[in-house]
C-alpha atoms as a PDB file:
ATOM      1  CA  GLN A   1      -3.779  -2.167 -20.958  1.00  0.00           C
ATOM      2  CA  VAL A   2      -6.941  -0.941 -19.020  1.00  0.00           C
ATOM      3  CA  GLN A   3      -7.379   2.834 -18.520  1.00  0.00           C
ATOM      4  CA  LEU A   4      -8.692   4.413 -15.350  1.00  0.00           C
ATOM      5  CA  VAL A   5     -10.198   7.828 -15.388  1.00  0.00           C
ATOM      6  CA  GLU A   6     -11.297   9.571 -11.930  1.00  0.00           C
ATOM      7  CA  SER A   7     -14.018  12.141 -11.826  1.00  0.00           C
ATOM      8  CA  GLY A   8     -16.511  13.730  -8.933  1.00  0.00           C
ATOM      9  CA  GLY A   9     -13.649  15.750  -7.270  1.00  0.00           C
ATOM     10  CA  GLY A  10     -14.757  19.330  -6.306  1.00  0.00           C
ATOM     11  CA  LEU A  11     -14.480  22.009  -3.745  1.00  0.00           C
ATOM     12  CA  VAL A  12     -16.451  21.131  -0.632  1.00  0.00           C
ATOM     13  CA  GLN A  13     -16.973  22.584   3.313  1.00  0.00           C
ATOM     14  CA  ALA A  14     -15.152  20.750   6.322  1.00  0.00           C
ATOM     15  CA  GLY A  15     -18.060  18.070   6.740  1.00  0.00           C
ATOM     16  CA  GLY A  16     -19.322  17.981   3.617  1.00  0.00           C
ATOM     17  CA  SER A  17     -19.603  14.900   0.951  1.00  0.00           C
ATOM     18  CA  LEU A  18     -18.413  13.779  -2.412  1.00  0.00           C
ATOM     19  CA  ARG A  19     -18.666  11.144  -4.454  1.00  0.00           C
ATOM     20  CA  LEU A  20     -16.075  10.174  -6.535  1.00  0.00           C
ATOM     21  CA  SER A  21     -16.211   7.532  -9.956  1.00  0.00           C
ATOM     22  CA  CYS A  22     -13.585   5.801 -11.512  1.00  0.00           C
ATOM     23  CA  ALA A  23     -14.172   4.405 -14.845  1.00  0.00           C
ATOM     24  CA  ALA A  24     -12.464   1.828 -16.593  1.00  0.00           C
ATOM     25  CA  SER A  25     -12.039   1.578 -20.327  1.00  0.00           C
ATOM     26  CA  ARG A  26      -9.858  -0.526 -22.740  1.00  0.00           C
ATOM     27  CA  GLY A  27     -10.556  -3.752 -20.764  1.00  0.00           C
ATOM     28  CA  THR A  28     -12.748  -4.988 -17.931  1.00  0.00           C
ATOM     29  CA  ILE A  29     -11.793  -4.595 -14.126  1.00  0.00           C
ATOM     30  CA  THR A  30     -14.950  -6.776 -13.098  1.00  0.00           C
ATOM     31  CA  ARG A  31     -12.055  -9.610 -11.958  1.00  0.00           C
ATOM     32  CA  THR A  32      -9.802  -7.368 -10.294  1.00  0.00           C
ATOM     33  CA  ARG A  33      -9.404  -5.901  -6.989  1.00  0.00           C
ATOM     34  CA  MET A  34      -9.623  -2.093  -6.988  1.00  0.00           C
ATOM     35  CA  GLY A  35      -8.835   0.754  -4.643  1.00  0.00           C
ATOM     36  CA  TRP A  36      -8.283   4.249  -4.084  1.00  0.00           C
ATOM     37  CA  PHE A  37      -5.511   6.218  -2.892  1.00  0.00           C
ATOM     38  CA  ARG A  38      -4.948   9.751  -2.501  1.00  0.00           C
ATOM     39  CA  GLN A  39      -1.840  12.143  -2.408  1.00  0.00           C
ATOM     40  CA  ALA A  40      -1.999  15.874  -0.866  1.00  0.00           C
ATOM     41  CA  PRO A  41       0.764  18.492  -1.671  1.00  0.00           C
ATOM     42  CA  GLY A  42       4.147  17.246  -0.237  1.00  0.00           C
ATOM     43  CA  LYS A  43       3.268  14.289   0.566  1.00  0.00           C
ATOM     44  CA  GLU A  44       3.402  10.223  -0.440  1.00  0.00           C
ATOM     45  CA  ARG A  45       0.564   9.043  -1.942  1.00  0.00           C
ATOM     46  CA  GLU A  46      -1.690   6.926   0.854  1.00  0.00           C
ATOM     47  CA  PHE A  47      -4.333   4.022   0.431  1.00  0.00           C
ATOM     48  CA  VAL A  48      -7.704   4.907   1.048  1.00  0.00           C
ATOM     49  CA  ALA A  49      -9.616   1.781   0.509  1.00  0.00           C
ATOM     50  CA  PHE A  50      -9.957  -1.182  -1.273  1.00  0.00           C
ATOM     51  CA  ILE A  51     -12.778  -3.452  -2.851  1.00  0.00           C
ATOM     52  CA  SER A  52     -12.503  -7.202  -3.827  1.00  0.00           C
ATOM     53  CA  SER A  53     -13.783  -8.121  -7.483  1.00  0.00           C
ATOM     54  CA  THR A  54     -17.078  -9.115  -6.332  1.00  0.00           C
ATOM     55  CA  GLY A  55     -17.649  -6.231  -4.045  1.00  0.00           C
ATOM     56  CA  GLY A  56     -18.038  -8.435  -1.070  1.00  0.00           C
ATOM     57  CA  TRP A  57     -14.973  -7.800   0.943  1.00  0.00           C
ATOM     58  CA  THR A  58     -14.032  -4.341   1.385  1.00  0.00           C
ATOM     59  CA  ASP A  59     -11.233  -2.556   3.924  1.00  0.00           C
ATOM     60  CA  TYR A  60     -10.340   0.861   4.741  1.00  0.00           C
ATOM     61  CA  GLY A  61      -7.336   3.219   5.677  1.00  0.00           C
ATOM     62  CA  ASP A  62      -7.882   3.710   9.553  1.00  0.00           C
ATOM     63  CA  SER A  63      -8.370   7.647   9.071  1.00  0.00           C
ATOM     64  CA  VAL A  64     -11.377   7.249   6.794  1.00  0.00           C
ATOM     65  CA  LYS A  65     -13.042   4.077   8.311  1.00  0.00           C
ATOM     66  CA  GLY A  66     -16.726   4.917   9.228  1.00  0.00           C
ATOM     67  CA  ARG A  67     -16.799   7.829   6.786  1.00  0.00           C
ATOM     68  CA  PHE A  68     -16.305   6.545   3.259  1.00  0.00           C
ATOM     69  CA  THR A  69     -17.498   3.694   1.579  1.00  0.00           C
ATOM     70  CA  ILE A  70     -16.170   2.208  -1.322  1.00  0.00           C
ATOM     71  CA  SER A  71     -18.536   0.490  -4.147  1.00  0.00           C
ATOM     72  CA  ARG A  72     -18.592  -0.974  -7.478  1.00  0.00           C
ATOM     73  CA  ASP A  73     -20.595  -1.829 -10.645  1.00  0.00           C
ATOM     74  CA  ASN A  74     -19.302  -4.515 -12.480  1.00  0.00           C
ATOM     75  CA  ALA A  75     -21.888  -4.158 -15.193  1.00  0.00           C
ATOM     76  CA  LYS A  76     -20.753  -0.427 -15.570  1.00  0.00           C
ATOM     77  CA  ASN A  77     -16.924  -1.197 -15.394  1.00  0.00           C
ATOM     78  CA  MET A  78     -17.037   1.754 -12.542  1.00  0.00           C
ATOM     79  CA  VAL A  79     -15.496   1.996  -9.177  1.00  0.00           C
ATOM     80  CA  TYR A  80     -17.125   4.744  -6.293  1.00  0.00           C
ATOM     81  CA  LEU A  81     -15.690   6.095  -3.310  1.00  0.00           C
ATOM     82  CA  GLN A  82     -18.552   8.103  -1.161  1.00  0.00           C
ATOM     83  CA  MET A  83     -16.291  10.482   1.104  1.00  0.00           C
ATOM     84  CA  ASN A  84     -18.956  12.009   4.018  1.00  0.00           C
ATOM     85  CA  SER A  85     -17.598  14.219   6.985  1.00  0.00           C
ATOM     86  CA  LEU A  86     -14.754  15.598   5.064  1.00  0.00           C
ATOM     87  CA  TYR A  87     -11.634  17.308   6.621  1.00  0.00           C
ATOM     88  CA  PRO A  88      -9.508  20.055   5.280  1.00  0.00           C
ATOM     89  CA  GLU A  89      -6.588  17.599   5.951  1.00  0.00           C
ATOM     90  CA  GLU A  90      -8.022  15.444   3.038  1.00  0.00           C
ATOM     91  CA  THR A  91      -7.569  17.705   0.550  1.00  0.00           C
ATOM     92  CA  ALA A  92      -5.650  15.872  -2.210  1.00  0.00           C
ATOM     93  CA  VAL A  93      -5.818  14.169  -5.545  1.00  0.00           C
ATOM     94  CA  TYR A  94      -7.426  10.988  -5.556  1.00  0.00           C
ATOM     95  CA  TYR A  95      -6.930   8.115  -7.767  1.00  0.00           C
ATOM     96  CA  CYS A  96      -8.326   4.595  -8.280  1.00  0.00           C
ATOM     97  CA  ASN A  97      -5.883   1.884  -9.027  1.00  0.00           C
ATOM     98  CA  ALA A  98      -5.981  -1.907  -9.458  1.00  0.00           C
ATOM     99  CA  VAL A  99      -4.594  -3.674  -6.173  1.00  0.00           C
ATOM    100  CA  LYS A 100      -2.467  -5.828  -4.314  1.00  0.00           C
ATOM    101  CA  GLY A 101      -3.491  -5.665  -0.823  1.00  0.00           C
ATOM    102  CA  VAL A 102      -3.003  -2.304  -0.037  1.00  0.00           C
ATOM    103  CA  ARG A 103      -0.795  -1.242  -2.717  1.00  0.00           C
ATOM    104  CA  PRO A 104      -1.464  -0.344  -5.936  1.00  0.00           C
ATOM    105  CA  ALA A 105      -0.847  -3.130  -8.784  1.00  0.00           C
ATOM    106  CA  SER A 106       0.257  -0.952 -11.455  1.00  0.00           C
ATOM    107  CA  ASP A 107       2.695   1.848 -11.661  1.00  0.00           C
ATOM    108  CA  SER A 108       0.054   3.430 -14.171  1.00  0.00           C
ATOM    109  CA  TRP A 109      -1.845   5.851 -12.832  1.00  0.00           C
ATOM    110  CA  GLY A 110      -4.643   8.123 -14.322  1.00  0.00           C
ATOM    111  CA  GLN A 111      -4.907  11.773 -13.685  1.00  0.00           C
ATOM    112  CA  GLY A 112      -6.775  11.632 -10.592  1.00  0.00           C
ATOM    113  CA  THR A 113      -9.463  14.055  -9.400  1.00  0.00           C
ATOM    114  CA  GLN A 114      -8.825  16.926  -7.074  1.00  0.00           C
ATOM    115  CA  VAL A 115     -10.525  17.153  -3.591  1.00  0.00           C
ATOM    116  CA  THR A 116     -10.350  20.683  -1.766  1.00  0.00           C
ATOM    117  CA  VAL A 117     -12.299  20.611   1.542  1.00  0.00           C
ATOM    118  CA  SER A 118     -12.366  24.466   3.004  1.00  0.00           C
ATOM    119  CA  SER A 119     -12.382  24.988   6.794  1.00  0.00           C
END
């Protein structure tokens, strides 16, 4: 089973930027639609963005449209999330996963990467 490891989180001020990475191992994700999700304390996990297997089609949650960009490098088996103009309420643990539509395709999650946005 493919393992996904997220990285790139950290502490950033409101309005700042971060770039998250998702590295796949023990398999390839080159033919898999991939997405990013986030879970804030006390809240349910929510969809952030997805990207088609070729990278030609992307979609985003309404709250991040115009600020976040999902991308992938199939040669490196990697998926990325560039986050700009961050808000404090976007403090959460961010996860990547395969997707079906805007839902995770697997019940298996990595450890995620913590993003903290200070006001």
